Amino acid sequence: MAVYTDVAADELADFLKQYDLGELLSYKGIAEGVENTNFLLHTSKGSFILTLYEKRVAKNDLPFFLALMTHLAEHGVTCPLPVKAKDGEALLELQGRPAAIITFLEGIWPRKPNAVHCAGVGDGLARMHLAGANFAIKRANALSVAGWRPLFDAAADRADEVQPGLRAFLSAELDYLSGGVWPNNLPEGVIHADLFNDNVFFLGDKLSGIIDFTFACNDMLAYDVAICLNAWCFEPDHSFNVTKARAFLNAYGRVRKLSEAEEAALPLLARGAAIRFLLTRLVDWLNVPPGALVKPKDPLEYVRKLRFHQSVSSARDYGLMPSGLVA
């Protein structure tokens, strides 16, 4: 989440007249994240999140995201629900941008995830994958292998400003991953594709909800698992924590067991997930709009993570035994 587009109080009050949400009491921008403009709204009828969709989010994809949240909620996944306006529409326009209001979830996201948090995420992710199995709308993953090279091209000329040798490092990895090694026969379904710790809420040690589905799409379910290994199972110094990985993978496997082919592909999928976030962070790092209330995330975090995955030989290195049991 972030704030790229400012909204004046009178403009917001006029916008809210299209809803049955009562009187606007207060609102504030949310600086976390990097994709869209987000505000926390307090009205006489409760608290809500207003999102103005920007940057990589295509307007034609928005019905997918909004319908997916509704579908998942109806199938037992705790996530925000789109709020419909008085005319029955969930997607309106504000400041020339598509805009939607969603319900507010109680909880906090863990700044320092531990193994209990990782287990909760593993369980929640697996349940989301199962709940999405019969979701009828499809959306391709625009940030899979075919989408990485354009990102690299957008940042290549300045990559070495961020770290000497980064351009060559990224180019070599892209050549490898796009050279026919990427899996294409693993189980697929709806994935979150961005399940970082700031997109998961907890009340105490219990997962209370999953938010921000603006990267959700159809892809390999194990790729979502690999994204979470990157997002949850490394320490602040970017070293891998196998205890957290065991907790995450074990909890996921109790709900949805990975196939042998998925287990075998996990190191490669983790490499792909690492370079995907390295590239998008690099592009964002080099292109922060002037005056934007946004905190771009450090792309070099993912250089360390990618180097680790390059050294992994099998799922054993993530704490997962070939049988599917955790050591």
C-alpha atoms as a PDB file:
ATOM      1  CA  MET A   1       0.000   0.000   0.000  1.00  0.00           C
ATOM      2  CA  ALA A   2       1.072   3.613  -0.531  1.00  0.00           C
ATOM      3  CA  VAL A   3      -0.164   7.098  -1.373  1.00  0.00           C
ATOM      4  CA  TYR A   4       0.543   8.407  -4.866  1.00  0.00           C
ATOM      5  CA  THR A   5      -2.639  10.442  -5.295  1.00  0.00           C
ATOM      6  CA  ASP A   6      -3.803  12.941  -2.687  1.00  0.00           C
ATOM      7  CA  VAL A   7      -7.525  13.285  -2.045  1.00  0.00           C
ATOM      8  CA  ALA A   8      -8.964  16.381  -0.363  1.00  0.00           C
ATOM      9  CA  ALA A   9     -11.498  15.963   2.439  1.00  0.00           C
ATOM     10  CA  ASP A  10     -14.319  17.592   0.501  1.00  0.00           C
ATOM     11  CA  GLU A  11     -13.640  15.404  -2.546  1.00  0.00           C
ATOM     12  CA  LEU A  12     -13.692  12.289  -0.382  1.00  0.00           C
ATOM     13  CA  ALA A  13     -16.887  13.346   1.360  1.00  0.00           C
ATOM     14  CA  ASP A  14     -18.588  13.832  -2.021  1.00  0.00           C
ATOM     15  CA  PHE A  15     -17.315  10.435  -3.164  1.00  0.00           C
ATOM     16  CA  LEU A  16     -18.737   8.733  -0.074  1.00  0.00           C
ATOM     17  CA  LYS A  17     -22.204  10.092  -0.840  1.00  0.00           C
ATOM     18  CA  GLN A  18     -22.415   7.274  -3.388  1.00  0.00           C
ATOM     19  CA  TYR A  19     -22.275   4.749  -0.512  1.00  0.00           C
ATOM     20  CA  ASP A  20     -24.353   4.039   2.543  1.00  0.00           C
ATOM     21  CA  LEU A  21     -21.404   4.382   4.916  1.00  0.00           C
ATOM     22  CA  GLY A  22     -22.520   7.320   6.991  1.00  0.00           C
ATOM     23  CA  GLU A  23     -20.576  10.521   7.643  1.00  0.00           C
ATOM     24  CA  LEU A  24     -16.813  10.770   7.095  1.00  0.00           C
ATOM     25  CA  LEU A  25     -15.190  11.316  10.493  1.00  0.00           C
ATOM     26  CA  SER A  26     -11.505  11.063   9.559  1.00  0.00           C
ATOM     27  CA  TYR A  27      -9.102   9.508   7.089  1.00  0.00           C
ATOM     28  CA  LYS A  28      -5.389   9.025   6.625  1.00  0.00           C
ATOM     29  CA  GLY A  29      -3.047   7.754   3.947  1.00  0.00           C
ATOM     30  CA  ILE A  30      -1.316   4.407   4.347  1.00  0.00           C
ATOM     31  CA  ALA A  31       2.360   4.655   3.400  1.00  0.00           C
ATOM     32  CA  GLU A  32       3.210   0.933   3.415  1.00  0.00           C
ATOM     33  CA  GLY A  33       3.494  -0.935   0.123  1.00  0.00           C
ATOM     34  CA  VAL A  34       4.280   0.280  -3.372  1.00  0.00           C
ATOM     35  CA  GLU A  35       1.415  -0.374  -5.775  1.00  0.00           C
ATOM     36  CA  ASN A  36      -1.728   1.665  -5.136  1.00  0.00           C
ATOM     37  CA  THR A  37      -3.006   4.657  -3.191  1.00  0.00           C
ATOM     38  CA  ASN A  38      -4.695   3.593   0.041  1.00  0.00           C
ATOM     39  CA  PHE A  39      -6.543   5.411   2.785  1.00  0.00           C
ATOM     40  CA  LEU A  40      -7.951   4.241   6.104  1.00  0.00           C
ATOM     41  CA  LEU A  41     -11.427   5.720   6.457  1.00  0.00           C
ATOM     42  CA  HIS A  42     -13.361   6.208   9.681  1.00  0.00           C
ATOM     43  CA  THR A  43     -17.059   6.900   9.168  1.00  0.00           C
ATOM     44  CA  SER A  44     -20.066   6.955  11.443  1.00  0.00           C
ATOM     45  CA  LYS A  45     -20.720   3.351  10.364  1.00  0.00           C
ATOM     46  CA  GLY A  46     -17.236   1.920  10.924  1.00  0.00           C
ATOM     47  CA  SER A  47     -13.756   1.668   9.449  1.00  0.00           C
ATOM     48  CA  PHE A  48     -12.965   0.908   5.814  1.00  0.00           C
ATOM     49  CA  ILE A  49     -10.095   0.909   3.315  1.00  0.00           C
ATOM     50  CA  LEU A  50     -10.290   3.034   0.171  1.00  0.00           C
ATOM     51  CA  THR A  51      -8.009   2.023  -2.687  1.00  0.00           C
ATOM     52  CA  LEU A  52      -7.225   4.029  -5.809  1.00  0.00           C
ATOM     53  CA  TYR A  53      -5.721   1.611  -8.326  1.00  0.00           C
ATOM     54  CA  GLU A  54      -2.559   2.797 -10.055  1.00  0.00           C
ATOM     55  CA  LYS A  55       0.644   1.673 -11.793  1.00  0.00           C
ATOM     56  CA  ARG A  56       0.693  -2.025 -12.759  1.00  0.00           C
ATOM     57  CA  VAL A  57      -2.964  -2.689 -12.046  1.00  0.00           C
ATOM     58  CA  ALA A  58      -5.027  -2.803 -15.240  1.00  0.00           C
ATOM     59  CA  LYS A  59      -8.625  -1.608 -14.912  1.00  0.00           C
ATOM     60  CA  ASN A  60      -9.905  -4.701 -16.732  1.00  0.00           C
ATOM     61  CA  ASP A  61      -8.392  -6.873 -13.991  1.00  0.00           C
ATOM     62  CA  LEU A  62     -10.202  -5.180 -11.121  1.00  0.00           C
ATOM     63  CA  PRO A  63     -13.434  -7.228 -11.380  1.00  0.00           C
ATOM     64  CA  PHE A  64     -11.272 -10.340 -10.954  1.00  0.00           C
ATOM     65  CA  PHE A  65      -9.769  -9.076  -7.692  1.00  0.00           C
ATOM     66  CA  LEU A  66     -13.067  -7.908  -6.239  1.00  0.00           C
ATOM     67  CA  ALA A  67     -14.952 -11.072  -7.203  1.00  0.00           C
ATOM     68  CA  LEU A  68     -12.126 -13.231  -5.844  1.00  0.00           C
ATOM     69  CA  MET A  69     -12.340 -11.650  -2.401  1.00  0.00           C
ATOM     70  CA  THR A  70     -16.057 -12.316  -2.308  1.00  0.00           C
ATOM     71  CA  HIS A  71     -15.575 -15.915  -3.480  1.00  0.00           C
ATOM     72  CA  LEU A  72     -12.856 -16.658  -0.928  1.00  0.00           C
ATOM     73  CA  ALA A  73     -14.879 -15.150   1.912  1.00  0.00           C
ATOM     74  CA  GLU A  74     -17.834 -17.327   0.922  1.00  0.00           C
ATOM     75  CA  HIS A  75     -15.531 -20.368   1.099  1.00  0.00           C
ATOM     76  CA  GLY A  76     -14.136 -19.785   4.565  1.00  0.00           C
ATOM     77  CA  VAL A  77     -11.106 -17.564   3.910  1.00  0.00           C
ATOM     78  CA  THR A  78     -11.042 -14.441   6.078  1.00  0.00           C
ATOM     79  CA  CYS A  79     -10.344 -11.512   3.770  1.00  0.00           C
ATOM     80  CA  PRO A  80     -11.790  -8.048   3.099  1.00  0.00           C
ATOM     81  CA  LEU A  81     -15.105  -7.768   1.276  1.00  0.00           C
ATOM     82  CA  PRO A  82     -15.797  -5.148  -1.402  1.00  0.00           C
ATOM     83  CA  VAL A  83     -18.381  -2.575  -0.339  1.00  0.00           C
ATOM     84  CA  LYS A  84     -21.004  -1.907  -2.977  1.00  0.00           C
ATOM     85  CA  ALA A  85     -22.235   1.606  -3.684  1.00  0.00           C
ATOM     86  CA  LYS A  86     -25.918   2.524  -3.616  1.00  0.00           C
ATOM     87  CA  ASP A  87     -26.170   1.595  -7.310  1.00  0.00           C
ATOM     88  CA  GLY A  88     -24.828  -1.892  -6.611  1.00  0.00           C
ATOM     89  CA  GLU A  89     -21.392  -1.317  -8.137  1.00  0.00           C
ATOM     90  CA  ALA A  90     -18.209  -2.174  -6.226  1.00  0.00           C
ATOM     91  CA  LEU A  91     -15.863  -0.287  -8.568  1.00  0.00           C
ATOM     92  CA  LEU A  92     -16.219   3.481  -8.987  1.00  0.00           C
ATOM     93  CA  GLU A  93     -13.841   6.319  -9.912  1.00  0.00           C
ATOM     94  CA  LEU A  94     -12.063   8.992  -7.856  1.00  0.00           C
ATOM     95  CA  GLN A  95      -9.449  11.492  -9.023  1.00  0.00           C
ATOM     96  CA  GLY A  96      -9.564   9.891 -12.455  1.00  0.00           C
ATOM     97  CA  ARG A  97      -8.582   6.489 -11.065  1.00  0.00           C
ATOM     98  CA  PRO A  98     -10.584   3.313 -10.493  1.00  0.00           C
ATOM     99  CA  ALA A  99     -11.518   3.186  -6.821  1.00  0.00           C
ATOM    100  CA  ALA A 100     -13.031   0.657  -4.446  1.00  0.00           C
ATOM    101  CA  ILE A 101     -13.858   0.513  -0.757  1.00  0.00           C
ATOM    102  CA  ILE A 102     -13.361  -2.713   1.171  1.00  0.00           C
ATOM    103  CA  THR A 103     -14.156  -3.755   4.723  1.00  0.00           C
ATOM    104  CA  PHE A 104     -11.558  -3.301   7.456  1.00  0.00           C
ATOM    105  CA  LEU A 105     -10.010  -6.387   9.063  1.00  0.00           C
ATOM    106  CA  GLU A 106      -8.944  -6.419  12.696  1.00  0.00           C
ATOM    107  CA  GLY A 107      -5.403  -7.495  13.470  1.00  0.00           C
ATOM    108  CA  ILE A 108      -1.812  -6.458  12.944  1.00  0.00           C
ATOM    109  CA  TRP A 109       0.810  -7.722  10.562  1.00  0.00           C
ATOM    110  CA  PRO A 110       3.927  -9.214  12.193  1.00  0.00           C
ATOM    111  CA  ARG A 111       7.021  -7.005  11.913  1.00  0.00           C
ATOM    112  CA  LYS A 112       9.221  -9.866  13.121  1.00  0.00           C
ATOM    113  CA  PRO A 113       7.603 -13.120  11.983  1.00  0.00           C
ATOM    114  CA  ASN A 114       8.365 -16.210  14.036  1.00  0.00           C
ATOM    115  CA  ALA A 115       7.797 -19.901  13.362  1.00  0.00           C
ATOM    116  CA  VAL A 116       4.235 -19.715  14.722  1.00  0.00           C
ATOM    117  CA  HIS A 117       3.405 -16.935  12.260  1.00  0.00           C
ATOM    118  CA  CYS A 118       4.950 -18.971   9.444  1.00  0.00           C
ATOM    119  CA  ALA A 119       2.834 -21.984  10.357  1.00  0.00           C
ATOM    120  CA  GLY A 120      -0.280 -19.788  10.331  1.00  0.00           C
ATOM    121  CA  VAL A 121       0.611 -18.492   6.880  1.00  0.00           C
ATOM    122  CA  GLY A 122       1.230 -22.005   5.570  1.00  0.00           C
ATOM    123  CA  ASP A 123      -2.169 -23.137   6.800  1.00  0.00           C
ATOM    124  CA  GLY A 124      -3.897 -20.016   5.474  1.00  0.00           C
ATOM    125  CA  LEU A 125      -2.239 -20.195   2.070  1.00  0.00           C
ATOM    126  CA  ALA A 126      -3.197 -23.844   1.582  1.00  0.00           C
ATOM    127  CA  ARG A 127      -6.804 -23.109   2.540  1.00  0.00           C
ATOM    128  CA  MET A 128      -6.863 -20.200   0.100  1.00  0.00           C
ATOM    129  CA  HIS A 129      -5.564 -22.478  -2.673  1.00  0.00           C
ATOM    130  CA  LEU A 130      -8.303 -25.020  -1.978  1.00  0.00           C
ATOM    131  CA  ALA A 131     -11.004 -22.354  -1.696  1.00  0.00           C
ATOM    132  CA  GLY A 132     -10.012 -20.880  -5.050  1.00  0.00           C
ATOM    133  CA  ALA A 133     -10.227 -24.196  -6.884  1.00  0.00           C
ATOM    134  CA  ASN A 134     -13.700 -23.526  -8.294  1.00  0.00           C
ATOM    135  CA  PHE A 135     -13.339 -19.780  -8.879  1.00  0.00           C
ATOM    136  CA  ALA A 136     -14.551 -19.331 -12.444  1.00  0.00           C
ATOM    137  CA  ILE A 137     -12.753 -16.140 -13.533  1.00  0.00           C
ATOM    138  CA  LYS A 138      -9.219 -16.486 -14.894  1.00  0.00           C
ATOM    139  CA  ARG A 139      -6.328 -14.017 -14.881  1.00  0.00           C
ATOM    140  CA  ALA A 140      -2.875 -14.764 -16.272  1.00  0.00           C
ATOM    141  CA  ASN A 141       0.221 -13.955 -14.214  1.00  0.00           C
ATOM    142  CA  ALA A 142       1.695 -10.920 -15.963  1.00  0.00           C
ATOM    143  CA  LEU A 143       4.770 -11.124 -13.730  1.00  0.00           C
ATOM    144  CA  SER A 144       5.842 -14.664 -14.549  1.00  0.00           C
ATOM    145  CA  VAL A 145       8.795 -15.598 -16.768  1.00  0.00           C
ATOM    146  CA  ALA A 146       7.642 -13.685 -19.846  1.00  0.00           C
ATOM    147  CA  GLY A 147       7.214 -10.512 -17.800  1.00  0.00           C
ATOM    148  CA  TRP A 148      10.672 -10.482 -16.199  1.00  0.00           C
ATOM    149  CA  ARG A 149      12.724  -9.456 -19.230  1.00  0.00           C
ATOM    150  CA  PRO A 150      10.753  -6.217 -19.825  1.00  0.00           C
ATOM    151  CA  LEU A 151      11.312  -5.307 -16.175  1.00  0.00           C
ATOM    152  CA  PHE A 152      15.018  -5.966 -16.553  1.00  0.00           C
ATOM    153  CA  ASP A 153      15.149  -3.857 -19.705  1.00  0.00           C
ATOM    154  CA  ALA A 154      13.471  -0.979 -17.855  1.00  0.00           C
ATOM    155  CA  ALA A 155      16.138  -0.977 -15.141  1.00  0.00           C
ATOM    156  CA  ALA A 156      19.250  -2.442 -16.813  1.00  0.00           C
ATOM    157  CA  ASP A 157      20.986   0.830 -17.684  1.00  0.00           C
ATOM    158  CA  ARG A 158      20.987   1.963 -14.042  1.00  0.00           C
ATOM    159  CA  ALA A 159      21.193  -1.405 -12.263  1.00  0.00           C
ATOM    160  CA  ASP A 160      24.896  -1.058 -11.502  1.00  0.00           C
ATOM    161  CA  GLU A 161      24.172   2.227  -9.707  1.00  0.00           C
ATOM    162  CA  VAL A 162      22.364   0.149  -7.108  1.00  0.00           C
ATOM    163  CA  GLN A 163      25.096  -2.494  -6.889  1.00  0.00           C
ATOM    164  CA  PRO A 164      28.144  -2.945  -9.137  1.00  0.00           C
ATOM    165  CA  GLY A 165      27.718  -6.028 -11.321  1.00  0.00           C
ATOM    166  CA  LEU A 166      23.964  -6.261 -10.714  1.00  0.00           C
ATOM    167  CA  ARG A 167      23.102  -5.945 -14.404  1.00  0.00           C
ATOM    168  CA  ALA A 168      25.256  -8.940 -15.387  1.00  0.00           C
ATOM    169  CA  PHE A 169      24.018 -10.980 -12.425  1.00  0.00           C
ATOM    170  CA  LEU A 170      20.375 -10.415 -13.376  1.00  0.00           C
ATOM    171  CA  SER A 171      20.985 -11.015 -17.066  1.00  0.00           C
ATOM    172  CA  ALA A 172      22.632 -14.378 -16.409  1.00  0.00           C
ATOM    173  CA  GLU A 173      19.823 -15.514 -14.114  1.00  0.00           C
ATOM    174  CA  LEU A 174      17.163 -14.476 -16.619  1.00  0.00           C
ATOM    175  CA  ASP A 175      18.965 -16.351 -19.383  1.00  0.00           C
ATOM    176  CA  TYR A 176      18.897 -19.478 -17.225  1.00  0.00           C
ATOM    177  CA  LEU A 177      15.268 -19.252 -16.075  1.00  0.00           C
ATOM    178  CA  SER A 178      13.975 -18.435 -19.565  1.00  0.00           C
ATOM    179  CA  GLY A 179      16.032 -21.172 -21.195  1.00  0.00           C
ATOM    180  CA  GLY A 180      13.443 -23.938 -20.909  1.00  0.00           C
ATOM    181  CA  VAL A 181      13.903 -24.983 -17.277  1.00  0.00           C
ATOM    182  CA  TRP A 182      10.778 -23.296 -15.888  1.00  0.00           C
ATOM    183  CA  PRO A 183       8.109 -25.899 -14.935  1.00  0.00           C
ATOM    184  CA  ASN A 184       4.911 -26.019 -16.977  1.00  0.00           C
ATOM    185  CA  ASN A 185       3.138 -29.140 -15.738  1.00  0.00           C
ATOM    186  CA  LEU A 186       2.489 -28.482 -12.041  1.00  0.00           C
ATOM    187  CA  PRO A 187      -0.948 -28.086 -10.419  1.00  0.00           C
ATOM    188  CA  GLU A 188      -2.373 -24.629 -11.050  1.00  0.00           C
ATOM    189  CA  GLY A 189      -5.086 -22.483  -9.532  1.00  0.00           C
ATOM    190  CA  VAL A 190      -5.660 -19.076  -7.996  1.00  0.00           C
ATOM    191  CA  ILE A 191      -2.584 -17.762  -6.186  1.00  0.00           C
ATOM    192  CA  HIS A 192      -2.150 -14.649  -4.050  1.00  0.00           C
ATOM    193  CA  ALA A 193       1.286 -13.945  -5.579  1.00  0.00           C
ATOM    194  CA  ASP A 194       2.204 -11.299  -2.974  1.00  0.00           C
ATOM    195  CA  LEU A 195       1.652 -12.880   0.440  1.00  0.00           C
ATOM    196  CA  PHE A 196       4.246 -10.892   2.383  1.00  0.00           C
ATOM    197  CA  ASN A 197       3.976 -10.256   6.112  1.00  0.00           C
ATOM    198  CA  ASP A 198       2.291  -6.863   5.577  1.00  0.00           C
ATOM    199  CA  ASN A 199      -0.514  -8.647   3.729  1.00  0.00           C
ATOM    200  CA  VAL A 200      -1.352 -11.035   6.567  1.00  0.00           C
ATOM    201  CA  PHE A 201      -3.028  -9.989   9.821  1.00  0.00           C
ATOM    202  CA  PHE A 202      -2.765 -11.777  13.156  1.00  0.00           C
ATOM    203  CA  LEU A 203      -4.598 -11.471  16.460  1.00  0.00           C
ATOM    204  CA  GLY A 204      -2.031 -12.819  18.875  1.00  0.00           C
ATOM    205  CA  ASP A 205      -0.638 -15.960  17.249  1.00  0.00           C
ATOM    206  CA  LYS A 206      -3.771 -16.649  15.218  1.00  0.00           C
ATOM    207  CA  LEU A 207      -4.051 -15.585  11.580  1.00  0.00           C
ATOM    208  CA  SER A 208      -7.016 -13.201  11.360  1.00  0.00           C
ATOM    209  CA  GLY A 209      -7.055 -12.366   7.662  1.00  0.00           C
ATOM    210  CA  ILE A 210      -5.361 -12.073   4.280  1.00  0.00           C
ATOM    211  CA  ILE A 211      -5.434  -8.772   2.393  1.00  0.00           C
ATOM    212  CA  ASP A 212      -4.307  -7.105  -0.850  1.00  0.00           C
ATOM    213  CA  PHE A 213      -5.213  -9.376  -3.753  1.00  0.00           C
ATOM    214  CA  THR A 214      -4.035  -6.978  -6.493  1.00  0.00           C
ATOM    215  CA  PHE A 215      -1.445  -9.472  -7.763  1.00  0.00           C
ATOM    216  CA  ALA A 216      -3.718 -12.515  -7.508  1.00  0.00           C
ATOM    217  CA  CYS A 217      -3.815 -14.596 -10.676  1.00  0.00           C
ATOM    218  CA  ASN A 218      -3.802 -18.134 -12.034  1.00  0.00           C
ATOM    219  CA  ASP A 219      -0.455 -19.880 -11.849  1.00  0.00           C
ATOM    220  CA  MET A 220       1.297 -22.843 -10.270  1.00  0.00           C
ATOM    221  CA  LEU A 221       0.224 -23.266  -6.650  1.00  0.00           C
ATOM    222  CA  ALA A 222       3.763 -24.225  -5.669  1.00  0.00           C
ATOM    223  CA  TYR A 223       4.982 -20.879  -7.035  1.00  0.00           C
ATOM    224  CA  ASP A 224       2.882 -19.211  -4.321  1.00  0.00           C
ATOM    225  CA  VAL A 225       4.614 -21.476  -1.803  1.00  0.00           C
ATOM    226  CA  ALA A 226       7.988 -20.373  -3.171  1.00  0.00           C
ATOM    227  CA  ILE A 227       7.002 -16.696  -2.878  1.00  0.00           C
ATOM    228  CA  CYS A 228       6.202 -17.277   0.797  1.00  0.00           C
ATOM    229  CA  LEU A 229       9.513 -19.021   1.414  1.00  0.00           C
ATOM    230  CA  ASN A 230      11.167 -15.830   0.205  1.00  0.00           C
ATOM    231  CA  ALA A 231       8.852 -13.525   2.106  1.00  0.00           C
ATOM    232  CA  TRP A 232       8.644 -15.297   5.477  1.00  0.00           C
ATOM    233  CA  CYS A 233      11.618 -17.592   5.978  1.00  0.00           C
ATOM    234  CA  PHE A 234      14.615 -15.255   5.909  1.00  0.00           C
ATOM    235  CA  GLU A 235      16.058 -13.219   8.766  1.00  0.00           C
ATOM    236  CA  PRO A 236      16.710  -9.440   8.722  1.00  0.00           C
ATOM    237  CA  ASP A 237      20.310 -10.185   7.644  1.00  0.00           C
ATOM    238  CA  HIS A 238      18.769 -12.170   4.727  1.00  0.00           C
ATOM    239  CA  SER A 239      20.005 -15.542   6.022  1.00  0.00           C
ATOM    240  CA  PHE A 240      17.616 -18.461   5.556  1.00  0.00           C
ATOM    241  CA  ASN A 241      15.812 -19.776   8.656  1.00  0.00           C
ATOM    242  CA  VAL A 242      15.060 -23.443   8.128  1.00  0.00           C
ATOM    243  CA  THR A 243      12.987 -23.628  11.322  1.00  0.00           C
ATOM    244  CA  LYS A 244      10.538 -21.092   9.921  1.00  0.00           C
ATOM    245  CA  ALA A 245      10.512 -22.914   6.582  1.00  0.00           C
ATOM    246  CA  ARG A 246       9.725 -26.244   8.259  1.00  0.00           C
ATOM    247  CA  ALA A 247       6.867 -24.681  10.169  1.00  0.00           C
ATOM    248  CA  PHE A 248       5.467 -23.067   7.029  1.00  0.00           C
ATOM    249  CA  LEU A 249       5.799 -26.133   4.777  1.00  0.00           C
ATOM    250  CA  ASN A 250       4.517 -28.545   7.408  1.00  0.00           C
ATOM    251  CA  ALA A 251       1.405 -26.447   8.054  1.00  0.00           C
ATOM    252  CA  TYR A 252       0.761 -26.055   4.331  1.00  0.00           C
ATOM    253  CA  GLY A 253       1.192 -29.791   3.770  1.00  0.00           C
ATOM    254  CA  ARG A 254      -1.323 -30.729   6.454  1.00  0.00           C
ATOM    255  CA  VAL A 255      -4.012 -28.923   4.426  1.00  0.00           C
ATOM    256  CA  ARG A 256      -2.747 -29.464   0.867  1.00  0.00           C
ATOM    257  CA  LYS A 257       0.081 -31.935   0.294  1.00  0.00           C
ATOM    258  CA  LEU A 258       2.641 -30.957  -2.316  1.00  0.00           C
ATOM    259  CA  SER A 259       3.153 -33.510  -5.073  1.00  0.00           C
ATOM    260  CA  GLU A 260       6.576 -35.029  -5.685  1.00  0.00           C
ATOM    261  CA  ALA A 261       6.909 -32.901  -8.816  1.00  0.00           C
ATOM    262  CA  GLU A 262       6.090 -29.737  -6.846  1.00  0.00           C
ATOM    263  CA  GLU A 263       8.659 -30.628  -4.200  1.00  0.00           C
ATOM    264  CA  ALA A 264      11.317 -31.229  -6.839  1.00  0.00           C
ATOM    265  CA  ALA A 265      10.574 -27.904  -8.522  1.00  0.00           C
ATOM    266  CA  LEU A 266      10.613 -25.860  -5.311  1.00  0.00           C
ATOM    267  CA  PRO A 267      14.240 -24.611  -5.558  1.00  0.00           C
ATOM    268  CA  LEU A 268      13.691 -23.440  -9.136  1.00  0.00           C
ATOM    269  CA  LEU A 269      10.383 -21.788  -8.261  1.00  0.00           C
ATOM    270  CA  ALA A 270      12.059 -20.028  -5.326  1.00  0.00           C
ATOM    271  CA  ARG A 271      14.698 -18.641  -7.698  1.00  0.00           C
ATOM    272  CA  GLY A 272      11.970 -17.360  -9.986  1.00  0.00           C
ATOM    273  CA  ALA A 273      10.095 -15.778  -7.092  1.00  0.00           C
ATOM    274  CA  ALA A 274      13.292 -14.091  -5.906  1.00  0.00           C
ATOM    275  CA  ILE A 275      14.142 -12.550  -9.260  1.00  0.00           C
ATOM    276  CA  ARG A 276      10.541 -11.439  -9.794  1.00  0.00           C
ATOM    277  CA  PHE A 277      10.575  -9.354  -6.597  1.00  0.00           C
ATOM    278  CA  LEU A 278      14.152  -8.263  -7.139  1.00  0.00           C
ATOM    279  CA  LEU A 279      13.199  -6.820 -10.528  1.00  0.00           C
ATOM    280  CA  THR A 280       9.976  -5.090  -9.469  1.00  0.00           C
ATOM    281  CA  ARG A 281      11.711  -3.608  -6.438  1.00  0.00           C
ATOM    282  CA  LEU A 282      14.585  -2.442  -8.619  1.00  0.00           C
ATOM    283  CA  VAL A 283      12.232  -0.690 -11.042  1.00  0.00           C
ATOM    284  CA  ASP A 284      10.371   0.948  -8.141  1.00  0.00           C
ATOM    285  CA  TRP A 285      13.628   1.939  -6.415  1.00  0.00           C
ATOM    286  CA  LEU A 286      14.774   3.766  -9.524  1.00  0.00           C
ATOM    287  CA  ASN A 287      11.412   5.389 -10.309  1.00  0.00           C
ATOM    288  CA  VAL A 288       9.796   6.851  -7.197  1.00  0.00           C
ATOM    289  CA  PRO A 289       7.410   9.637  -8.298  1.00  0.00           C
ATOM    290  CA  PRO A 290       8.352  13.054  -6.847  1.00  0.00           C
ATOM    291  CA  GLY A 291       6.287  13.890  -3.787  1.00  0.00           C
ATOM    292  CA  ALA A 292       4.788  10.406  -3.438  1.00  0.00           C
ATOM    293  CA  LEU A 293       4.132   9.173   0.090  1.00  0.00           C
ATOM    294  CA  VAL A 294       5.773   5.816  -0.518  1.00  0.00           C
ATOM    295  CA  LYS A 295       8.654   3.796   0.867  1.00  0.00           C
ATOM    296  CA  PRO A 296      10.272   1.731  -1.898  1.00  0.00           C
ATOM    297  CA  LYS A 297      11.651  -1.588  -0.723  1.00  0.00           C
ATOM    298  CA  ASP A 298      15.328  -2.442  -1.037  1.00  0.00           C
ATOM    299  CA  PRO A 299      15.934  -4.655  -4.099  1.00  0.00           C
ATOM    300  CA  LEU A 300      19.299  -5.863  -2.762  1.00  0.00           C
ATOM    301  CA  GLU A 301      17.511  -7.947  -0.127  1.00  0.00           C
ATOM    302  CA  TYR A 302      16.564 -10.249  -2.974  1.00  0.00           C
ATOM    303  CA  VAL A 303      20.085 -10.503  -4.350  1.00  0.00           C
ATOM    304  CA  ARG A 304      21.060 -12.320  -1.146  1.00  0.00           C
ATOM    305  CA  LYS A 305      17.959 -14.490  -1.282  1.00  0.00           C
ATOM    306  CA  LEU A 306      18.491 -15.374  -4.922  1.00  0.00           C
ATOM    307  CA  ARG A 307      22.091 -16.376  -4.260  1.00  0.00           C
ATOM    308  CA  PHE A 308      20.874 -18.694  -1.506  1.00  0.00           C
ATOM    309  CA  HIS A 309      18.327 -20.372  -3.783  1.00  0.00           C
ATOM    310  CA  GLN A 310      20.989 -20.799  -6.461  1.00  0.00           C
ATOM    311  CA  SER A 311      22.929 -22.907  -3.942  1.00  0.00           C
ATOM    312  CA  VAL A 312      19.960 -25.134  -3.040  1.00  0.00           C
ATOM    313  CA  SER A 313      20.037 -28.643  -4.478  1.00  0.00           C
ATOM    314  CA  SER A 314      16.681 -30.021  -3.313  1.00  0.00           C
ATOM    315  CA  ALA A 315      13.636 -29.356  -1.142  1.00  0.00           C
ATOM    316  CA  ARG A 316      15.614 -30.912   1.740  1.00  0.00           C
ATOM    317  CA  ASP A 317      17.468 -27.608   2.030  1.00  0.00           C
ATOM    318  CA  TYR A 318      14.139 -25.939   2.857  1.00  0.00           C
ATOM    319  CA  GLY A 319      13.436 -28.519   5.571  1.00  0.00           C
ATOM    320  CA  LEU A 320      11.104 -30.626   3.444  1.00  0.00           C
ATOM    321  CA  MET A 321      11.750 -34.347   3.175  1.00  0.00           C
ATOM    322  CA  PRO A 322      11.163 -36.056  -0.198  1.00  0.00           C
ATOM    323  CA  SER A 323       8.310 -38.069   1.292  1.00  0.00           C
ATOM    324  CA  GLY A 324       6.471 -34.848   2.069  1.00  0.00           C
ATOM    325  CA  LEU A 325       7.248 -35.165   5.774  1.00  0.00           C
ATOM    326  CA  VAL A 326       9.188 -32.457   7.516  1.00  0.00           C
ATOM    327  CA  ALA A 327      12.423 -33.346   9.245  1.00  0.00           C
END
